[in-house]
Amino acid sequence: MSQQPARVTPGPVPPPITASDRIWTIPNVISFIRLLGVPLFLYLLLGPQHDVAAVIVLTLGGTTDWVDGYVARRMNSVSRLGELLDPFADRLYILATLLGFTLREVVPWWLTAALVLREVVLAVALLVLRRHGYGPPPVHYVGKTGTFLLLGAFPVLLLAEAVPSVHAVASPIGWALAWWALGLYWAAAVLYLAQTRAMLRADRAGAAAG
């Protein structure tokens, strides 16, 4: 007589995390501190050119990229403001760093142009979606990974320029991270454009059916 497999009773399903309207949460404070690091970084890089101090500020800004999101999920303190602040801080860090690095000739202009063009493409796609009543597509892990690698590449590239003794090691590592980030950035853009096209097709199909 064959035995029936034991039935496993599923455990309780955790409730979904909902975004609140709170402003002064710990994750939001972390995001605000990250934003304050942007003008400090640009001052150190372009003013007195204290490159080592700029590397420290940039590293802290990049490594804390995941902290605010992790704390928000861990403490169940996800807020609507935080959902906007986190990607805004990422983009501001990237654009500010590209501006400073291009002016200091740490990176070539074509890298800046390729990354800025990607942001312009996505901004146009978001405007089109808003005209049809849609919000932004959900953030894809490919884009988040690209952002993480880019925020890691920047301080390594600056370190290679600031400390000549580590240039031979830091420069290849920084450029490897930058190339990976650029590829993932544009791969994520293609995915977002595909999502945009699918939503617009669904909108047209719904309008035709109505």
C-alpha atoms as a PDB file:
ATOM      1  CA  MET A   1       0.000   0.000   0.000  1.00  0.00           C
ATOM      2  CA  SER A   2       1.585   3.225  -1.099  1.00  0.00           C
ATOM      3  CA  GLN A   3       1.790   6.099   1.311  1.00  0.00           C
ATOM      4  CA  GLN A   4       0.388   9.455   0.349  1.00  0.00           C
ATOM      5  CA  PRO A   5       2.825  12.333   0.702  1.00  0.00           C
ATOM      6  CA  ALA A   6       2.272  14.371   3.801  1.00  0.00           C
ATOM      7  CA  ARG A   7       0.339  17.523   3.215  1.00  0.00           C
ATOM      8  CA  VAL A   8       2.290  20.620   4.116  1.00  0.00           C
ATOM      9  CA  THR A   9       0.239  23.384   5.632  1.00  0.00           C
ATOM     10  CA  PRO A  10       1.426  26.715   4.317  1.00  0.00           C
ATOM     11  CA  GLY A  11       2.490  29.242   6.888  1.00  0.00           C
ATOM     12  CA  PRO A  12       0.950  32.653   7.254  1.00  0.00           C
ATOM     13  CA  VAL A  13       1.550  34.963   4.313  1.00  0.00           C
ATOM     14  CA  PRO A  14       3.141  38.231   5.422  1.00  0.00           C
ATOM     15  CA  PRO A  15       1.036  41.281   4.635  1.00  0.00           C
ATOM     16  CA  PRO A  16       2.215  43.417   1.720  1.00  0.00           C
ATOM     17  CA  ILE A  17       4.243  46.499   2.574  1.00  0.00           C
ATOM     18  CA  THR A  18       2.244  49.618   1.833  1.00  0.00           C
ATOM     19  CA  ALA A  19       3.769  53.050   1.348  1.00  0.00           C
ATOM     20  CA  SER A  20       2.773  55.663   3.909  1.00  0.00           C
ATOM     21  CA  ASP A  21       2.569  59.453   3.627  1.00  0.00           C
ATOM     22  CA  ARG A  22       5.126  60.033   6.380  1.00  0.00           C
ATOM     23  CA  ILE A  23       8.049  62.365   5.658  1.00  0.00           C
ATOM     24  CA  TRP A  24      10.390  62.120   8.650  1.00  0.00           C
ATOM     25  CA  THR A  25      11.311  58.470   8.616  1.00  0.00           C
ATOM     26  CA  ILE A  26      14.788  57.026   9.152  1.00  0.00           C
ATOM     27  CA  PRO A  27      15.123  55.927   5.488  1.00  0.00           C
ATOM     28  CA  ASN A  28      14.086  59.395   4.298  1.00  0.00           C
ATOM     29  CA  VAL A  29      16.623  61.042   6.617  1.00  0.00           C
ATOM     30  CA  ILE A  30      19.308  58.787   5.128  1.00  0.00           C
ATOM     31  CA  SER A  31      18.226  59.844   1.629  1.00  0.00           C
ATOM     32  CA  PHE A  32      18.328  63.533   2.625  1.00  0.00           C
ATOM     33  CA  ILE A  33      21.862  63.082   3.982  1.00  0.00           C
ATOM     34  CA  ARG A  34      22.865  61.412   0.700  1.00  0.00           C
ATOM     35  CA  LEU A  35      21.497  64.426  -1.201  1.00  0.00           C
ATOM     36  CA  LEU A  36      23.541  66.814   0.969  1.00  0.00           C
ATOM     37  CA  GLY A  37      26.641  64.882  -0.051  1.00  0.00           C
ATOM     38  CA  VAL A  38      26.213  65.895  -3.711  1.00  0.00           C
ATOM     39  CA  PRO A  39      27.154  69.605  -3.391  1.00  0.00           C
ATOM     40  CA  LEU A  40      29.892  68.689  -0.899  1.00  0.00           C
ATOM     41  CA  PHE A  41      31.377  66.245  -3.398  1.00  0.00           C
ATOM     42  CA  LEU A  42      31.276  68.782  -6.246  1.00  0.00           C
ATOM     43  CA  TYR A  43      32.926  71.423  -4.033  1.00  0.00           C
ATOM     44  CA  LEU A  44      35.744  69.084  -3.033  1.00  0.00           C
ATOM     45  CA  LEU A  45      36.248  67.896  -6.616  1.00  0.00           C
ATOM     46  CA  LEU A  46      36.026  71.205  -8.503  1.00  0.00           C
ATOM     47  CA  GLY A  47      36.977  73.759  -5.823  1.00  0.00           C
ATOM     48  CA  PRO A  48      40.070  72.943  -3.771  1.00  0.00           C
ATOM     49  CA  GLN A  49      40.390  69.613  -5.646  1.00  0.00           C
ATOM     50  CA  HIS A  50      40.725  67.534  -2.481  1.00  0.00           C
ATOM     51  CA  ASP A  51      40.357  64.322  -4.458  1.00  0.00           C
ATOM     52  CA  VAL A  52      40.873  61.898  -1.560  1.00  0.00           C
ATOM     53  CA  ALA A  53      38.140  63.622   0.474  1.00  0.00           C
ATOM     54  CA  ALA A  54      35.928  63.608  -2.625  1.00  0.00           C
ATOM     55  CA  VAL A  55      36.530  59.861  -2.976  1.00  0.00           C
ATOM     56  CA  ILE A  56      35.383  59.349   0.625  1.00  0.00           C
ATOM     57  CA  VAL A  57      32.189  61.385   0.125  1.00  0.00           C
ATOM     58  CA  LEU A  58      31.440  59.637  -3.153  1.00  0.00           C
ATOM     59  CA  THR A  59      32.072  56.209  -1.648  1.00  0.00           C
ATOM     60  CA  LEU A  60      29.753  56.903   1.276  1.00  0.00           C
ATOM     61  CA  GLY A  61      27.076  58.166  -1.090  1.00  0.00           C
ATOM     62  CA  GLY A  62      27.381  55.072  -3.260  1.00  0.00           C
ATOM     63  CA  THR A  63      27.599  52.447  -0.530  1.00  0.00           C
ATOM     64  CA  THR A  64      24.569  53.857   1.283  1.00  0.00           C
ATOM     65  CA  ASP A  65      22.514  53.491  -1.904  1.00  0.00           C
ATOM     66  CA  TRP A  66      20.964  50.264  -0.613  1.00  0.00           C
ATOM     67  CA  VAL A  67      20.817  51.306   3.059  1.00  0.00           C
ATOM     68  CA  ASP A  68      17.713  53.490   2.877  1.00  0.00           C
ATOM     69  CA  GLY A  69      15.744  50.853   0.967  1.00  0.00           C
ATOM     70  CA  TYR A  70      16.915  48.061   3.270  1.00  0.00           C
ATOM     71  CA  VAL A  71      16.017  50.031   6.399  1.00  0.00           C
ATOM     72  CA  ALA A  72      12.628  50.949   4.938  1.00  0.00           C
ATOM     73  CA  ARG A  73      11.758  47.309   4.264  1.00  0.00           C
ATOM     74  CA  ARG A  74      13.272  46.051   7.517  1.00  0.00           C
ATOM     75  CA  MET A  75      11.448  48.599   9.690  1.00  0.00           C
ATOM     76  CA  ASN A  76       8.286  48.548   7.552  1.00  0.00           C
ATOM     77  CA  SER A  77       8.656  52.298   7.035  1.00  0.00           C
ATOM     78  CA  VAL A  78       8.256  52.524   3.263  1.00  0.00           C
ATOM     79  CA  SER A  79       6.909  55.941   2.282  1.00  0.00           C
ATOM     80  CA  ARG A  80       5.791  57.525  -0.961  1.00  0.00           C
ATOM     81  CA  LEU A  81       8.388  60.250  -0.505  1.00  0.00           C
ATOM     82  CA  GLY A  82      11.085  57.628  -0.006  1.00  0.00           C
ATOM     83  CA  GLU A  83      10.083  55.862  -3.205  1.00  0.00           C
ATOM     84  CA  LEU A  84      10.828  59.125  -5.027  1.00  0.00           C
ATOM     85  CA  LEU A  85      13.883  60.206  -3.026  1.00  0.00           C
ATOM     86  CA  ASP A  86      15.903  57.008  -3.478  1.00  0.00           C
ATOM     87  CA  PRO A  87      16.036  56.969  -7.318  1.00  0.00           C
ATOM     88  CA  PHE A  88      16.299  60.781  -7.380  1.00  0.00           C
ATOM     89  CA  ALA A  89      19.376  60.652  -5.129  1.00  0.00           C
ATOM     90  CA  ASP A  90      20.911  57.947  -7.354  1.00  0.00           C
ATOM     91  CA  ARG A  91      20.407  59.987 -10.522  1.00  0.00           C
ATOM     92  CA  LEU A  92      21.627  63.193  -8.905  1.00  0.00           C
ATOM     93  CA  TYR A  93      24.805  61.479  -7.729  1.00  0.00           C
ATOM     94  CA  ILE A  94      25.403  60.012 -11.181  1.00  0.00           C
ATOM     95  CA  LEU A  95      24.749  63.259 -13.071  1.00  0.00           C
ATOM     96  CA  ALA A  96      26.776  65.369 -10.638  1.00  0.00           C
ATOM     97  CA  THR A  97      29.665  62.922 -10.762  1.00  0.00           C
ATOM     98  CA  LEU A  98      29.594  62.790 -14.549  1.00  0.00           C
ATOM     99  CA  LEU A  99      29.626  66.606 -14.682  1.00  0.00           C
ATOM    100  CA  GLY A 100      32.547  66.878 -12.281  1.00  0.00           C
ATOM    101  CA  PHE A 101      34.496  64.012 -13.831  1.00  0.00           C
ATOM    102  CA  THR A 102      34.043  65.390 -17.355  1.00  0.00           C
ATOM    103  CA  LEU A 103      35.213  68.855 -16.319  1.00  0.00           C
ATOM    104  CA  ARG A 104      38.236  67.308 -14.559  1.00  0.00           C
ATOM    105  CA  GLU A 105      38.808  64.923 -17.517  1.00  0.00           C
ATOM    106  CA  VAL A 106      38.583  61.858 -15.275  1.00  0.00           C
ATOM    107  CA  VAL A 107      36.193  60.273 -17.799  1.00  0.00           C
ATOM    108  CA  PRO A 108      35.856  61.007 -21.533  1.00  0.00           C
ATOM    109  CA  TRP A 109      32.915  62.977 -22.874  1.00  0.00           C
ATOM    110  CA  TRP A 110      31.487  59.975 -24.766  1.00  0.00           C
ATOM    111  CA  LEU A 111      30.815  58.089 -21.528  1.00  0.00           C
ATOM    112  CA  THR A 112      28.968  61.094 -20.149  1.00  0.00           C
ATOM    113  CA  ALA A 113      27.013  61.447 -23.393  1.00  0.00           C
ATOM    114  CA  ALA A 114      26.051  57.747 -23.436  1.00  0.00           C
ATOM    115  CA  LEU A 115      24.752  57.839 -19.851  1.00  0.00           C
ATOM    116  CA  VAL A 116      22.963  61.181 -20.219  1.00  0.00           C
ATOM    117  CA  LEU A 117      21.346  60.038 -23.486  1.00  0.00           C
ATOM    118  CA  ARG A 118      19.940  57.010 -21.668  1.00  0.00           C
ATOM    119  CA  GLU A 119      18.329  59.303 -19.077  1.00  0.00           C
ATOM    120  CA  VAL A 120      16.876  61.495 -21.840  1.00  0.00           C
ATOM    121  CA  VAL A 121      15.381  58.449 -23.590  1.00  0.00           C
ATOM    122  CA  LEU A 122      13.724  57.268 -20.379  1.00  0.00           C
ATOM    123  CA  ALA A 123      12.479  60.771 -19.575  1.00  0.00           C
ATOM    124  CA  VAL A 124      10.739  60.951 -22.971  1.00  0.00           C
ATOM    125  CA  ALA A 125       9.214  57.502 -22.395  1.00  0.00           C
ATOM    126  CA  LEU A 126       7.893  58.617 -18.984  1.00  0.00           C
ATOM    127  CA  LEU A 127       6.336  61.730 -20.518  1.00  0.00           C
ATOM    128  CA  VAL A 128       4.568  59.595 -23.134  1.00  0.00           C
ATOM    129  CA  LEU A 129       3.267  57.257 -20.426  1.00  0.00           C
ATOM    130  CA  ARG A 130       1.988  60.167 -18.336  1.00  0.00           C
ATOM    131  CA  ARG A 131       0.078  61.527 -21.338  1.00  0.00           C
ATOM    132  CA  HIS A 132      -1.740  58.178 -21.472  1.00  0.00           C
ATOM    133  CA  GLY A 133      -2.430  58.152 -17.732  1.00  0.00           C
ATOM    134  CA  TYR A 134       0.286  55.673 -16.717  1.00  0.00           C
ATOM    135  CA  GLY A 135       2.867  55.999 -13.999  1.00  0.00           C
ATOM    136  CA  PRO A 136       6.507  54.948 -14.398  1.00  0.00           C
ATOM    137  CA  PRO A 137       7.177  51.236 -15.022  1.00  0.00           C
ATOM    138  CA  PRO A 138       8.422  49.224 -12.022  1.00  0.00           C
ATOM    139  CA  VAL A 139      12.157  49.439 -11.389  1.00  0.00           C
ATOM    140  CA  HIS A 140      13.959  46.444 -12.902  1.00  0.00           C
ATOM    141  CA  TYR A 141      16.819  44.700 -11.121  1.00  0.00           C
ATOM    142  CA  VAL A 142      18.973  45.148 -14.244  1.00  0.00           C
ATOM    143  CA  GLY A 143      18.768  48.921 -13.860  1.00  0.00           C
ATOM    144  CA  LYS A 144      19.394  48.757 -10.103  1.00  0.00           C
ATOM    145  CA  THR A 145      22.442  46.571 -10.699  1.00  0.00           C
ATOM    146  CA  GLY A 146      23.742  49.002 -13.315  1.00  0.00           C
ATOM    147  CA  THR A 147      23.291  51.904 -10.901  1.00  0.00           C
ATOM    148  CA  PHE A 148      25.085  49.996  -8.139  1.00  0.00           C
ATOM    149  CA  LEU A 149      28.034  49.207 -10.429  1.00  0.00           C
ATOM    150  CA  LEU A 150      28.222  52.786 -11.680  1.00  0.00           C
ATOM    151  CA  LEU A 151      28.221  54.187  -8.152  1.00  0.00           C
ATOM    152  CA  GLY A 152      31.017  51.728  -7.403  1.00  0.00           C
ATOM    153  CA  ALA A 153      33.013  52.612 -10.532  1.00  0.00           C
ATOM    154  CA  PHE A 154      33.108  56.356  -9.877  1.00  0.00           C
ATOM    155  CA  PRO A 155      35.100  56.393  -6.617  1.00  0.00           C
ATOM    156  CA  VAL A 156      37.507  53.773  -7.981  1.00  0.00           C
ATOM    157  CA  LEU A 157      38.173  55.882 -11.096  1.00  0.00           C
ATOM    158  CA  LEU A 158      38.707  58.993  -8.989  1.00  0.00           C
ATOM    159  CA  LEU A 159      40.981  57.067  -6.644  1.00  0.00           C
ATOM    160  CA  ALA A 160      43.078  56.028  -9.636  1.00  0.00           C
ATOM    161  CA  GLU A 161      43.543  59.708 -10.523  1.00  0.00           C
ATOM    162  CA  ALA A 162      44.074  60.922  -6.954  1.00  0.00           C
ATOM    163  CA  VAL A 163      46.623  58.294  -5.845  1.00  0.00           C
ATOM    164  CA  PRO A 164      49.168  57.525  -8.585  1.00  0.00           C
ATOM    165  CA  SER A 165      50.552  54.538  -6.670  1.00  0.00           C
ATOM    166  CA  VAL A 166      47.284  52.606  -7.111  1.00  0.00           C
ATOM    167  CA  HIS A 167      46.511  53.798 -10.640  1.00  0.00           C
ATOM    168  CA  ALA A 168      47.744  50.593 -12.308  1.00  0.00           C
ATOM    169  CA  VAL A 169      45.277  48.510 -10.266  1.00  0.00           C
ATOM    170  CA  ALA A 170      42.382  50.897  -9.634  1.00  0.00           C
ATOM    171  CA  SER A 171      42.006  52.177 -13.204  1.00  0.00           C
ATOM    172  CA  PRO A 172      41.304  48.758 -14.843  1.00  0.00           C
ATOM    173  CA  ILE A 173      38.907  47.846 -12.038  1.00  0.00           C
ATOM    174  CA  GLY A 174      37.083  51.164 -12.314  1.00  0.00           C
ATOM    175  CA  TRP A 175      36.744  50.930 -16.079  1.00  0.00           C
ATOM    176  CA  ALA A 176      35.589  47.312 -15.914  1.00  0.00           C
ATOM    177  CA  LEU A 177      32.822  48.358 -13.526  1.00  0.00           C
ATOM    178  CA  ALA A 178      31.973  51.355 -15.722  1.00  0.00           C
ATOM    179  CA  TRP A 179      31.658  49.228 -18.876  1.00  0.00           C
ATOM    180  CA  TRP A 180      29.452  46.688 -17.091  1.00  0.00           C
ATOM    181  CA  ALA A 181      27.325  49.491 -15.689  1.00  0.00           C
ATOM    182  CA  LEU A 182      26.943  51.139 -19.105  1.00  0.00           C
ATOM    183  CA  GLY A 183      25.835  47.855 -20.682  1.00  0.00           C
ATOM    184  CA  LEU A 184      23.326  47.104 -17.926  1.00  0.00           C
ATOM    185  CA  TYR A 185      22.079  50.694 -17.972  1.00  0.00           C
ATOM    186  CA  TRP A 186      21.163  50.465 -21.631  1.00  0.00           C
ATOM    187  CA  ALA A 187      19.820  46.920 -21.249  1.00  0.00           C
ATOM    188  CA  ALA A 188      17.474  48.248 -18.573  1.00  0.00           C
ATOM    189  CA  ALA A 189      16.476  51.099 -20.891  1.00  0.00           C
ATOM    190  CA  VAL A 190      15.516  48.577 -23.583  1.00  0.00           C
ATOM    191  CA  LEU A 191      13.410  46.681 -21.019  1.00  0.00           C
ATOM    192  CA  TYR A 192      11.685  49.900 -19.906  1.00  0.00           C
ATOM    193  CA  LEU A 193      10.963  50.835 -23.522  1.00  0.00           C
ATOM    194  CA  ALA A 194       9.491  47.370 -24.116  1.00  0.00           C
ATOM    195  CA  GLN A 195       7.262  47.830 -21.045  1.00  0.00           C
ATOM    196  CA  THR A 196       6.226  51.257 -22.318  1.00  0.00           C
ATOM    197  CA  ARG A 197       5.337  49.832 -25.721  1.00  0.00           C
ATOM    198  CA  ALA A 198       3.290  47.036 -24.138  1.00  0.00           C
ATOM    199  CA  MET A 199       1.338  49.497 -21.973  1.00  0.00           C
ATOM    200  CA  LEU A 200       0.618  51.760 -24.928  1.00  0.00           C
ATOM    201  CA  ARG A 201      -0.544  48.786 -27.006  1.00  0.00           C
ATOM    202  CA  ALA A 202      -2.857  47.703 -24.187  1.00  0.00           C
ATOM    203  CA  ASP A 203      -4.182  51.261 -23.984  1.00  0.00           C
ATOM    204  CA  ARG A 204      -4.924  51.354 -27.721  1.00  0.00           C
ATOM    205  CA  ALA A 205      -6.520  47.905 -27.598  1.00  0.00           C
ATOM    206  CA  GLY A 206      -8.730  48.988 -24.717  1.00  0.00           C
ATOM    207  CA  ALA A 207      -9.739  52.141 -26.563  1.00  0.00           C
ATOM    208  CA  ALA A 208     -10.578  50.160 -29.702  1.00  0.00           C
ATOM    209  CA  ALA A 209     -12.616  47.620 -27.731  1.00  0.00           C
ATOM    210  CA  GLY A 210     -14.526  50.404 -25.981  1.00  0.00           C
END
